[in-house]
Amino acid sequence: MEYTTTDLAHIPVLAEEVLDYLQPQPGHVVLDCTVGNGGHAVKILEKMKPGGFLIGIDKDEEILQVARQTLSQTTGNFKLYHADYAEVENVLNLTGVEKVNGVLLDLGASSVQFDQAERGFSFAKEGPLDMRMDRSAPGTARDMIQRLSERELEEVLKKYGEERWSKRIARAIQREEKQAGITSTRQLASIIERVVPRGKSKIHPATRVFQALRIVVNRELDSLEIFLEKIHNYMRTGARIVIISFHSLEDRMVKQKFRESANLQIFKILTKKPVTPGEAERESNVRCRSAKLRAAERI
């Protein structure tokens, strides 16, 4: 897929709050572990002039095209790498940087990924059941549905989607898969729509299912666990880390690790409670409604 400059219009979530907590300064080195379309990165680079250096990582090689277009419009110094953020030490070795002044991790899928129907992230768009952030990696959402038993699928939906109707949904999915095969996003969404009561919830019934499948396909929680265990090793004293999550499981992991690190006098927690988008941002960007920001400082 060839991205165009119209794709660069996506506004980063909690943009001002990220800058407030990260506090990038001239000459700093900042690691953007999920650079995405470069929305946060371009704002950080502006704050680091002159002499700043931004290292951007993303496991989606295609979206790095977007980041390059975005960042090439600035005069800041940056390098981008196709990698999982769990591989942070390998990336820093390539740059020759031992420790950084700031770290940003913006979890979940990006707006660009959701907006490209052929990536299969959105239940609102007709596309293949893919959901891979790195399309060079094996194992799509379609492959998972084919491979898992009804019981295993139920456990995935319950654990990673915290889906109340996991048993009913898993049964319906496996029934359809055996009868006709499930190959598209809208086909899967319609199955879920038929078996889940809507009630008064404003959240689409397929939201948690797609979220769970995406998390498992991309091993997102595994990467986060590895990252949280070692990132402090690459931060200077006084360096700040900002993490934005969109899922309660992710937020719980970040909260717990920050607390453990604070007890060990590795981090000082800067956010007693998670920072969430204000009313104006929630109204202008519905995708940010579940965002939670947590920040800490390396002691």
Foldseek 3Di string as FASTA:
>chain_A
DDDDPVLLPDADFPLVVCCVQQVAAAQFEEEEQACFLVNNVQVSQVRHPDNYEYEYEHLQPNRVVNNCVVNVVDPGHYDYDNDHSLPVVVSCVVVVAQAGQEYEAEDDDDPSLQVDQQCQLHLVHKYWQALESNVVDDDGLLNVLVPDDLVRQLCLLCVQLVQPCSNQLSVQSNVCCVVPRDTISPVSLVSQVVRDDPPPDPDRSCVSVSRSSNCVRHVVVVSLVSCLVPVLSRHDAFGKYKYKDQDPVSVVVVVVSQVVCVVVLQKAWPDPFWDADDPVVCVVDVSRRRITMTMIGGD
